[in-house]
């Protein structure tokens, strides 16, 4: 919006990590970001305006997929 701060719309690695952590906390058995399987120990690193996940570079939009036997994940 006019007068808005563009930095409010930047997605950082900690934002993606927070979503992945939330999915694990909700009971996910597996989580992927843009098709890359991530574990609680996976490093998500900011590289300019992209993320480095498992050695591959990913740009927004970010798609999360979670697998769980829980119906309400």
N, C-alpha and C. Protein backbone atom coordinates (compact mmCIF):
# COMPACT_ATOMS: atom_id res chain seq x y z
N UNK A 1 0.83 -1.21 0.00
CA UNK A 1 0.00 0.00 0.00
C UNK A 1 0.86 1.26 0.00
N UNK A 2 0.32 2.36 -0.48
CA UNK A 2 1.08 3.61 -0.46
C UNK A 2 1.51 3.94 0.97
N UNK A 3 2.76 4.30 1.12
CA UNK A 3 3.28 4.65 2.44
C UNK A 3 3.66 3.44 3.28
N UNK A 4 3.42 2.23 2.76
CA UNK A 4 3.76 1.02 3.51
C UNK A 4 5.25 0.76 3.51
N UNK A 5 5.69 0.00 4.46
CA UNK A 5 7.10 -0.34 4.57
C UNK A 5 7.36 -1.64 3.81
N UNK A 6 8.16 -1.61 2.74
CA UNK A 6 8.42 -2.82 1.96
C UNK A 6 9.05 -3.94 2.79
N UNK A 7 9.76 -3.59 3.85
CA UNK A 7 10.38 -4.60 4.70
C UNK A 7 9.35 -5.46 5.44
N UNK A 8 8.12 -4.97 5.54
CA UNK A 8 7.07 -5.75 6.18
C UNK A 8 6.64 -6.93 5.31
N UNK A 9 7.05 -6.94 4.05
CA UNK A 9 6.62 -7.98 3.11
C UNK A 9 7.75 -8.93 2.72
N UNK A 10 8.91 -8.77 3.35
CA UNK A 10 10.05 -9.64 3.07
C UNK A 10 9.93 -10.88 3.95
N UNK A 11 10.11 -12.05 3.35
CA UNK A 11 10.07 -13.30 4.09
C UNK A 11 11.51 -13.70 4.39
N UNK A 12 11.78 -13.95 5.65
CA UNK A 12 13.12 -14.33 6.08
C UNK A 12 13.16 -15.80 6.47
N UNK A 13 14.35 -16.33 6.61
CA UNK A 13 14.49 -17.75 6.95
C UNK A 13 13.81 -18.07 8.27
N UNK A 14 13.83 -17.17 9.23
CA UNK A 14 13.20 -17.44 10.51
C UNK A 14 11.67 -17.53 10.38
N UNK A 15 11.10 -16.85 9.40
CA UNK A 15 9.66 -16.96 9.15
C UNK A 15 9.31 -18.36 8.64
N UNK A 16 10.09 -18.85 7.70
CA UNK A 16 9.88 -20.19 7.15
C UNK A 16 10.12 -21.23 8.23
N UNK A 17 11.18 -21.04 9.02
CA UNK A 17 11.48 -21.98 10.10
C UNK A 17 10.35 -22.01 11.12
N UNK A 18 9.75 -20.87 11.43
CA UNK A 18 8.65 -20.81 12.39
C UNK A 18 7.44 -21.60 11.90
N UNK A 19 7.15 -21.53 10.61
CA UNK A 19 6.02 -22.29 10.06
C UNK A 19 6.32 -23.78 10.13
N UNK A 20 7.52 -24.18 9.74
CA UNK A 20 7.91 -25.59 9.81
C UNK A 20 7.84 -26.09 11.25
N UNK A 21 8.34 -25.31 12.19
CA UNK A 21 8.28 -25.70 13.61
C UNK A 21 6.84 -25.85 14.08
N UNK A 22 5.97 -24.97 13.61
CA UNK A 22 4.56 -25.07 13.97
C UNK A 22 3.92 -26.34 13.44
N UNK A 23 4.30 -26.74 12.23
CA UNK A 23 3.77 -27.98 11.66
C UNK A 23 4.24 -29.19 12.46
N UNK A 24 5.52 -29.21 12.85
CA UNK A 24 6.01 -30.31 13.68
C UNK A 24 5.32 -30.31 15.04
N UNK A 25 5.13 -29.14 15.63
CA UNK A 25 4.45 -29.05 16.92
C UNK A 25 3.01 -29.53 16.84
N UNK A 26 2.41 -29.38 15.67
CA UNK A 26 1.02 -29.81 15.48
C UNK A 26 0.92 -31.31 15.20
N UNK A 27 2.06 -31.98 15.08
CA UNK A 27 2.04 -33.43 14.90
C UNK A 27 2.43 -33.94 13.53
N UNK A 28 3.03 -33.11 12.70
CA UNK A 28 3.45 -33.56 11.37
C UNK A 28 4.53 -34.63 11.50
N UNK A 29 4.46 -35.62 10.63
CA UNK A 29 5.48 -36.66 10.58
C UNK A 29 6.59 -36.29 9.60
N UNK A 30 6.27 -35.45 8.61
CA UNK A 30 7.24 -35.00 7.62
C UNK A 30 6.81 -33.63 7.12
N UNK A 31 7.81 -32.80 6.79
CA UNK A 31 7.55 -31.44 6.30
C UNK A 31 8.47 -31.19 5.11
N UNK A 32 7.92 -30.52 4.09
CA UNK A 32 8.71 -30.12 2.93
C UNK A 32 8.40 -28.66 2.63
N UNK A 33 9.41 -27.94 2.17
CA UNK A 33 9.27 -26.56 1.73
C UNK A 33 9.74 -26.52 0.28
N UNK A 34 8.83 -26.12 -0.60
CA UNK A 34 9.13 -26.09 -2.04
C UNK A 34 9.72 -27.41 -2.53
N UNK A 35 9.19 -28.51 -2.01
CA UNK A 35 9.61 -29.83 -2.45
C UNK A 35 10.86 -30.36 -1.79
N UNK A 36 11.48 -29.58 -0.92
CA UNK A 36 12.67 -30.02 -0.19
C UNK A 36 12.27 -30.50 1.20
N UNK A 37 12.56 -31.76 1.50
CA UNK A 37 12.28 -32.30 2.83
C UNK A 37 13.13 -31.56 3.85
N UNK A 38 12.50 -31.10 4.91
CA UNK A 38 13.23 -30.42 5.97
C UNK A 38 12.99 -31.14 7.29
N UNK A 39 14.01 -31.15 8.11
CA UNK A 39 13.96 -31.74 9.44
C UNK A 39 14.12 -30.62 10.46
N UNK A 40 13.86 -30.91 11.73
CA UNK A 40 14.08 -29.87 12.74
C UNK A 40 15.53 -29.37 12.78
N UNK A 41 16.46 -30.16 12.27
CA UNK A 41 17.86 -29.76 12.27
C UNK A 41 18.32 -29.16 10.94
N UNK A 42 17.42 -29.06 9.95
CA UNK A 42 17.78 -28.50 8.65
C UNK A 42 18.04 -27.00 8.77
N UNK A 43 19.15 -26.56 8.20
CA UNK A 43 19.47 -25.13 8.21
C UNK A 43 18.75 -24.45 7.05
N UNK A 44 17.99 -23.42 7.37
CA UNK A 44 17.33 -22.58 6.37
C UNK A 44 18.06 -21.24 6.41
N UNK A 45 18.74 -20.90 5.33
CA UNK A 45 19.59 -19.72 5.33
C UNK A 45 19.11 -18.69 4.31
N UNK A 46 19.11 -17.43 4.72
CA UNK A 46 18.80 -16.34 3.79
C UNK A 46 20.02 -16.11 2.90
N UNK A 47 19.77 -16.03 1.60
CA UNK A 47 20.81 -15.70 0.63
C UNK A 47 20.21 -14.61 -0.25
N UNK A 48 20.47 -13.38 0.12
CA UNK A 48 19.84 -12.27 -0.59
C UNK A 48 18.34 -12.31 -0.35
N UNK A 49 17.57 -12.35 -1.43
CA UNK A 49 16.11 -12.40 -1.29
C UNK A 49 15.59 -13.82 -1.52
N UNK A 50 16.45 -14.82 -1.35
CA UNK A 50 16.06 -16.22 -1.51
C UNK A 50 16.47 -17.01 -0.27
N UNK A 51 16.04 -18.28 -0.23
CA UNK A 51 16.44 -19.17 0.86
C UNK A 51 17.28 -20.30 0.32
N UNK A 52 18.26 -20.70 1.09
CA UNK A 52 19.06 -21.88 0.78
C UNK A 52 18.55 -23.01 1.67
N UNK A 53 18.02 -24.06 1.02
CA UNK A 53 17.47 -25.20 1.74
C UNK A 53 18.11 -26.45 1.16
N UNK A 54 18.81 -27.21 2.00
CA UNK A 54 19.48 -28.44 1.57
C UNK A 54 20.38 -28.20 0.35
N UNK A 55 21.04 -27.07 0.31
CA UNK A 55 21.97 -26.78 -0.77
C UNK A 55 21.33 -26.29 -2.06
N UNK A 56 20.02 -26.08 -2.07
CA UNK A 56 19.35 -25.55 -3.25
C UNK A 56 18.71 -24.21 -2.93
N UNK A 57 18.66 -23.34 -3.92
CA UNK A 57 18.14 -21.99 -3.74
C UNK A 57 16.65 -21.97 -4.08
N UNK A 58 15.86 -21.31 -3.22
CA UNK A 58 14.41 -21.21 -3.41
C UNK A 58 13.96 -19.77 -3.24
N UNK A 59 13.08 -19.34 -4.13
CA UNK A 59 12.53 -17.98 -4.07
C UNK A 59 11.04 -18.07 -3.78
N UNK A 60 10.47 -16.99 -3.23
CA UNK A 60 9.03 -17.00 -2.99
C UNK A 60 8.25 -17.17 -4.28
N UNK A 61 7.06 -17.68 -4.23
CA UNK A 61 6.32 -18.07 -3.02
C UNK A 61 6.82 -19.39 -2.47
N UNK A 62 6.64 -19.60 -1.17
CA UNK A 62 7.05 -20.83 -0.52
C UNK A 62 5.83 -21.71 -0.28
N UNK A 63 5.95 -22.96 -0.69
CA UNK A 63 4.87 -23.92 -0.52
C UNK A 63 5.28 -24.93 0.55
N UNK A 64 4.42 -25.12 1.54
CA UNK A 64 4.66 -26.06 2.61
C UNK A 64 3.78 -27.28 2.42
N UNK A 65 4.35 -28.46 2.61
CA UNK A 65 3.60 -29.71 2.57
C UNK A 65 3.94 -30.45 3.85
N UNK A 66 2.90 -30.93 4.53
CA UNK A 66 3.10 -31.70 5.75
C UNK A 66 2.33 -33.01 5.64
N UNK A 67 2.94 -34.06 6.15
CA UNK A 67 2.33 -35.38 6.15
C UNK A 67 2.07 -35.77 7.59
N UNK A 68 0.86 -36.25 7.85
CA UNK A 68 0.50 -36.66 9.19
C UNK A 68 -0.71 -37.58 9.13
N UNK A 69 -0.81 -38.45 10.11
CA UNK A 69 -2.00 -39.28 10.24
C UNK A 69 -3.12 -38.51 10.94
N UNK A 70 -2.80 -37.39 11.53
CA UNK A 70 -3.81 -36.58 12.23
C UNK A 70 -4.66 -35.84 11.20
N UNK A 71 -5.96 -35.98 11.32
CA UNK A 71 -6.87 -35.35 10.37
C UNK A 71 -6.93 -33.84 10.52
N UNK A 72 -6.63 -33.33 11.70
CA UNK A 72 -6.78 -31.89 11.94
C UNK A 72 -5.47 -31.13 11.92
N UNK A 73 -4.44 -31.67 11.25
CA UNK A 73 -3.17 -30.97 11.15
C UNK A 73 -3.38 -29.71 10.35
